Structures are given as structure tokens and as C-alpha cells.
Protein backbone atom coordinates (compact mmCIF):
# COMPACT_ATOMS: atom_id res chain seq x y z
CA MET A 1 4.55 25.77 8.67
CA ASN A 2 7.32 27.01 6.38
CA ASN A 3 7.13 30.61 7.50
CA ALA A 4 10.64 31.96 8.12
CA GLY A 5 11.92 34.28 5.45
CA VAL A 6 14.06 37.24 4.44
CA PHE A 7 13.23 40.03 2.03
CA GLY A 8 15.27 42.24 -0.27
CA THR A 9 18.68 41.39 1.13
CA PRO A 10 21.88 42.71 -0.49
CA PRO A 11 23.94 40.22 -2.54
CA GLY A 12 25.19 37.43 -0.31
CA LEU A 13 25.54 33.71 0.16
CA THR A 14 24.64 31.35 2.98
CA VAL A 15 27.38 29.21 4.51
CA GLU A 16 26.34 26.46 2.09
CA GLY A 17 26.96 28.77 -0.87
CA PHE A 18 23.30 29.45 -1.66
CA GLU A 19 22.05 32.93 -2.59
CA THR A 20 20.65 34.23 0.69
CA GLN A 21 16.99 34.58 -0.28
CA ILE A 22 16.54 31.32 -2.23
CA GLY A 23 18.53 29.52 0.46
CA THR A 24 16.48 30.88 3.36
CA ASN A 25 13.05 31.12 1.77
CA HIS A 26 13.01 27.92 -0.29
CA LEU A 27 15.91 25.48 0.00
CA GLY A 28 15.87 25.36 3.80
CA HIS A 29 12.11 24.85 3.88
CA ALA A 30 12.23 22.05 1.33
CA ALA A 31 14.99 20.22 3.16
CA LEU A 32 13.23 20.56 6.52
CA THR A 33 9.93 19.35 5.07
CA TRP A 34 11.53 16.26 3.56
CA LEU A 35 13.36 15.44 6.79
CA LEU A 36 10.17 15.82 8.83
CA MET A 37 8.01 13.76 6.48
CA PRO A 38 8.34 10.46 8.42
CA ALA A 39 6.98 12.21 11.54
CA LEU A 40 4.21 13.94 9.57
CA ARG A 41 3.24 10.66 7.97
CA ALA A 42 3.18 8.85 11.31
CA ALA A 43 0.99 11.52 12.91
CA GLY A 44 -1.75 11.20 10.28
CA GLY A 45 -3.86 14.04 8.92
CA SER A 46 -0.87 16.39 8.83
CA ARG A 47 -0.51 19.54 6.76
CA VAL A 48 2.50 21.33 5.37
CA VAL A 49 1.78 25.05 4.92
CA THR A 50 4.32 26.97 2.83
CA LEU A 51 4.25 30.77 2.85
CA SER A 52 4.52 32.53 -0.48
CA SER A 53 3.90 36.18 -1.39
CA LEU A 54 2.21 38.46 -3.88
CA GLY A 55 5.76 38.95 -5.13
CA HIS A 56 5.70 35.52 -6.76
CA ARG A 57 3.72 37.04 -9.64
CA GLY A 58 6.79 38.95 -10.78
CA GLY A 59 9.09 35.99 -10.29
CA THR A 60 10.99 33.72 -12.64
CA VAL A 61 13.02 30.69 -11.62
CA ASP A 62 16.33 30.21 -13.41
CA LEU A 63 17.21 26.59 -12.67
CA ASP A 64 20.66 27.04 -14.20
CA ASP A 65 21.49 30.07 -12.04
CA LEU A 66 19.41 29.97 -8.85
CA HIS A 67 22.15 31.78 -6.96
CA PHE A 68 22.74 34.70 -9.35
CA LEU A 69 26.32 33.73 -10.02
CA ARG A 70 26.03 34.75 -13.69
CA ARG A 71 22.96 37.00 -14.09
CA PRO A 72 22.66 40.47 -12.53
CA TYR A 73 21.41 40.40 -8.95
CA THR A 74 18.67 42.68 -7.66
CA PRO A 75 17.06 42.19 -4.23
CA MET A 76 13.50 42.06 -5.62
CA ARG A 77 14.36 39.67 -8.45
CA ALA A 78 15.88 37.26 -5.94
CA TYR A 79 12.96 37.64 -3.52
CA ASN A 80 10.34 37.09 -6.22
CA GLN A 81 12.19 34.00 -7.42
CA SER A 82 12.20 32.54 -3.91
CA LYS A 83 8.48 33.18 -3.44
CA LEU A 84 7.65 31.60 -6.79
CA ALA A 85 9.78 28.63 -5.73
CA ASN A 86 7.63 28.33 -2.59
CA LEU A 87 4.46 27.90 -4.66
CA LEU A 88 6.07 25.49 -7.10
CA PHE A 89 7.40 23.39 -4.22
CA ALA A 90 4.05 23.33 -2.40
CA ALA A 91 2.26 22.20 -5.57
CA GLU A 92 4.79 19.51 -6.42
CA LEU A 93 4.79 18.23 -2.85
CA ASP A 94 1.01 17.91 -2.95
CA ARG A 95 1.09 16.07 -6.29
CA ARG A 96 3.60 13.56 -4.94
CA LEU A 97 1.72 13.08 -1.67
CA ARG A 98 -1.47 12.32 -3.59
CA ALA A 99 0.31 9.92 -5.93
CA ALA A 100 1.77 8.09 -2.93
CA GLY A 101 -1.63 7.93 -1.19
CA GLU A 102 -0.26 9.71 1.87
CA ASP A 103 -2.45 11.11 4.66
CA VAL A 104 -0.57 14.44 4.48
CA ILE A 105 -1.52 17.49 2.42
CA SER A 106 0.51 20.43 1.14
CA VAL A 107 -1.06 23.89 1.13
CA ALA A 108 0.30 27.36 0.33
CA ALA A 109 -0.69 30.76 1.73
CA HIS A 110 0.32 34.40 1.58
CA PRO A 111 -0.36 37.33 3.95
CA GLY A 112 -1.01 40.09 1.43
CA LEU A 113 0.40 43.38 2.69
CA THR A 114 0.85 42.96 6.42
CA ASN A 115 2.53 45.11 9.04
CA THR A 116 5.44 42.93 10.10
CA GLU A 117 9.09 43.73 10.81
CA LEU A 118 10.25 42.06 7.57
CA LEU A 119 10.63 45.25 5.51
CA ASP A 120 12.06 47.26 8.39
CA LYS A 121 14.69 44.67 9.30
CA SER A 122 15.63 44.10 5.67
CA MET A 123 16.16 47.82 5.18
CA ARG A 124 18.25 48.03 8.34
CA GLY A 125 20.45 45.23 7.04
CA GLY A 126 20.83 46.41 3.45
CA ALA A 127 19.84 50.09 3.36
CA PRO A 128 19.78 51.42 6.95
CA GLY A 129 19.14 54.98 5.81
CA ARG A 130 15.76 53.90 4.42
CA ALA A 131 14.56 52.08 7.53
CA PRO A 132 12.46 55.04 8.82
CA LEU A 133 10.81 55.28 5.39
CA ALA A 134 10.08 51.54 5.51
CA ARG A 135 8.29 51.95 8.84
CA VAL A 136 6.12 54.75 7.42
CA ILE A 137 5.27 52.70 4.31
CA ASN A 138 4.29 49.78 6.54
CA LEU A 139 1.93 51.91 8.60
CA LEU A 140 0.26 53.51 5.58
CA THR A 141 -0.18 50.51 3.29
CA THR A 142 -0.48 47.36 5.35
CA GLN A 143 -3.12 45.57 7.38
CA PRO A 144 -2.64 44.71 11.07
CA LEU A 145 -0.65 41.61 11.91
CA ARG A 146 -3.67 39.91 13.54
CA THR A 147 -5.45 40.06 10.16
CA GLY A 148 -2.41 39.27 8.06
CA VAL A 149 -1.78 35.94 9.76
CA LEU A 150 -5.30 34.67 9.11
CA PRO A 151 -4.61 33.11 5.67
CA GLN A 152 -1.85 30.86 6.98
CA LEU A 153 -3.82 29.95 10.10
CA TYR A 154 -6.83 29.14 7.91
CA ALA A 155 -4.60 27.04 5.63
CA ALA A 156 -3.31 25.16 8.65
CA THR A 157 -6.61 24.52 10.42
CA ALA A 158 -9.77 25.01 8.33
CA PRO A 159 -11.48 21.65 7.65
CA GLN A 160 -12.52 22.67 4.13
CA VAL A 161 -8.94 23.24 2.95
CA ARG A 162 -7.72 20.68 0.41
CA GLY A 163 -4.25 19.72 -0.74
CA GLY A 164 -2.94 22.09 -3.39
CA ASP A 165 -5.01 25.06 -2.18
CA TYR A 166 -3.48 28.54 -2.08
CA ILE A 167 -4.99 30.86 0.55
CA GLY A 168 -4.68 34.65 0.77
CA PRO A 169 -6.62 37.81 1.67
CA ARG A 170 -9.89 38.33 -0.20
CA GLY A 171 -9.55 42.10 -0.69
CA LEU A 172 -8.56 44.03 -3.82
CA GLY A 173 -5.48 42.52 -5.43
CA GLY A 174 -5.14 40.05 -2.57
CA MET A 175 -3.54 42.76 -0.46
CA ARG A 176 -5.76 42.69 2.63
CA GLY A 177 -8.84 41.08 4.14
CA ARG A 178 -10.04 37.76 5.46
CA PRO A 179 -8.92 34.44 3.92
CA THR A 180 -10.08 33.05 0.60
CA THR A 181 -8.68 31.07 -2.30
CA ALA A 182 -5.89 33.12 -3.86
CA ARG A 183 -4.81 33.63 -7.46
CA ARG A 184 -1.43 32.33 -8.59
CA SER A 185 0.54 33.16 -11.70
CA ALA A 186 0.61 30.90 -14.75
CA THR A 187 4.27 30.12 -14.03
CA ALA A 188 3.37 28.97 -10.52
CA GLN A 189 1.02 26.41 -12.11
CA ASP A 190 3.67 24.88 -14.41
CA PRO A 191 4.02 21.21 -13.33
CA ASP A 192 7.15 20.62 -15.41
CA LEU A 193 8.94 23.59 -13.85
CA ALA A 194 7.84 22.41 -10.40
CA ARG A 195 9.20 18.92 -11.06
CA ARG A 196 12.54 20.24 -12.29
CA LEU A 197 12.84 22.63 -9.33
CA TRP A 198 12.16 19.67 -7.01
CA GLU A 199 15.08 17.79 -8.57
CA VAL A 200 17.42 20.80 -8.51
CA THR A 201 16.49 21.43 -4.86
CA ALA A 202 17.31 17.85 -3.93
CA GLY A 203 20.67 18.12 -5.64
CA ALA A 204 21.52 21.43 -3.99
CA THR A 205 20.52 20.43 -0.44
CA GLY A 206 21.74 16.84 -0.56
CA VAL A 207 18.50 15.74 1.14
CA THR A 208 16.58 12.81 -0.33
CA PRO A 209 13.07 14.00 -1.27
CA ASP A 210 10.15 12.43 0.60
CA PRO A 211 7.90 11.36 -1.01
CA THR A 212 10.06 10.35 -3.96
């Protein structure tokens, strides 16, 4: 389950030179998934669940400037790009698994608006003065954690889930509620963009994609 993530961080680079959010939220997950694929394949009936976000709908992926070295950086633009990359990667992984006839599926999920520490910790790191406000916003607008985790647990365990599915809350705007099939943006359904991101990701991480 590709779950670890950061949100809204100030401008920064990982030790590898990746923009922090695309490096943490996408490139690391892709590399780990590829490296684990022999074990997943050997186990049989495995699933890879990649966590995206409602934020992907506002995202664009600039394959020539993933790390904001030339274009203006904003925390939300970088976050939305990374979450769109999650969906594109999950879809391309599933296409390649199917083409290879593998007994592994790739599924995506998102938690809607859920009361986690993500916003609070991000504010403390980049805008500590707004951390109390972040905690209030969380309490007023989000669903409890025990409900928010249901889409990814459903994606990981429900027998009716199929490769390529995207699971999220069923409530208004996908913000809260029990799991159902979620809506993704038109950009997230672009197979050519997904293929090119796959290739750029392989080049950036230095990890050989699996399946090829």
C-alpha cells in the first residue's frame, strides 16, 4: 500500500534532488513497487494500492519540469501534481500487469476529507503560525479517521475490486462516506501521459520498471 505522503511543503528537494512532494508521494512509491514486484508476483493474487487525493483534479504533470526548477512553485500545485501522478502510475501499472498476464492488480484509492495529522504537521513544518487554524479546519470539515481509511482498506481487500479501479468515499463530492467507485479527472485517464510519466519516473529513479 503506497500510503506515505507529505502535503503542502515549502520549496525543497530530497537528497536525490527531487522536489519534495513528487519525490515522496510518487517517485519513491513507484521505485518501491517495482523493486517489490518479484515478491508480489511470487505470492500470487497480490494487490498494489496507491493513495491519491481529491487534489488530483486540480493537478497537471509537467514532464519537463517535475521538480519546479523553472516554473513558479506553490505548495498546492506541487501536491496536486504528485497526486495526479499517483493515479497515472496506478493506471499504467495495471495496464502493464494485464498485458503481461500477471496475477497482480493495481488499484487506486483516496480518503476524501479525513481527520489525519497531515495538514497539521505540514503547517507546523512550513507555516507554524497556522497550525492551530489547521487543527480547527480538520475538526470542522473532515470525517473521522476510522471512516476515512475505509476506501483504501476496501481497495486492498474487497473481492469485487478489479485492477484499475479507483475507490473513494461515496458522499457529496467524494469528501466523506463509505467506499464506492470514485471519479477521476480526464487528465488522470490519459494513457499517453501515464506512459510518458512511467518512462520519466524510471529515468529519474534509476530503477528498472517491472513489468516492462
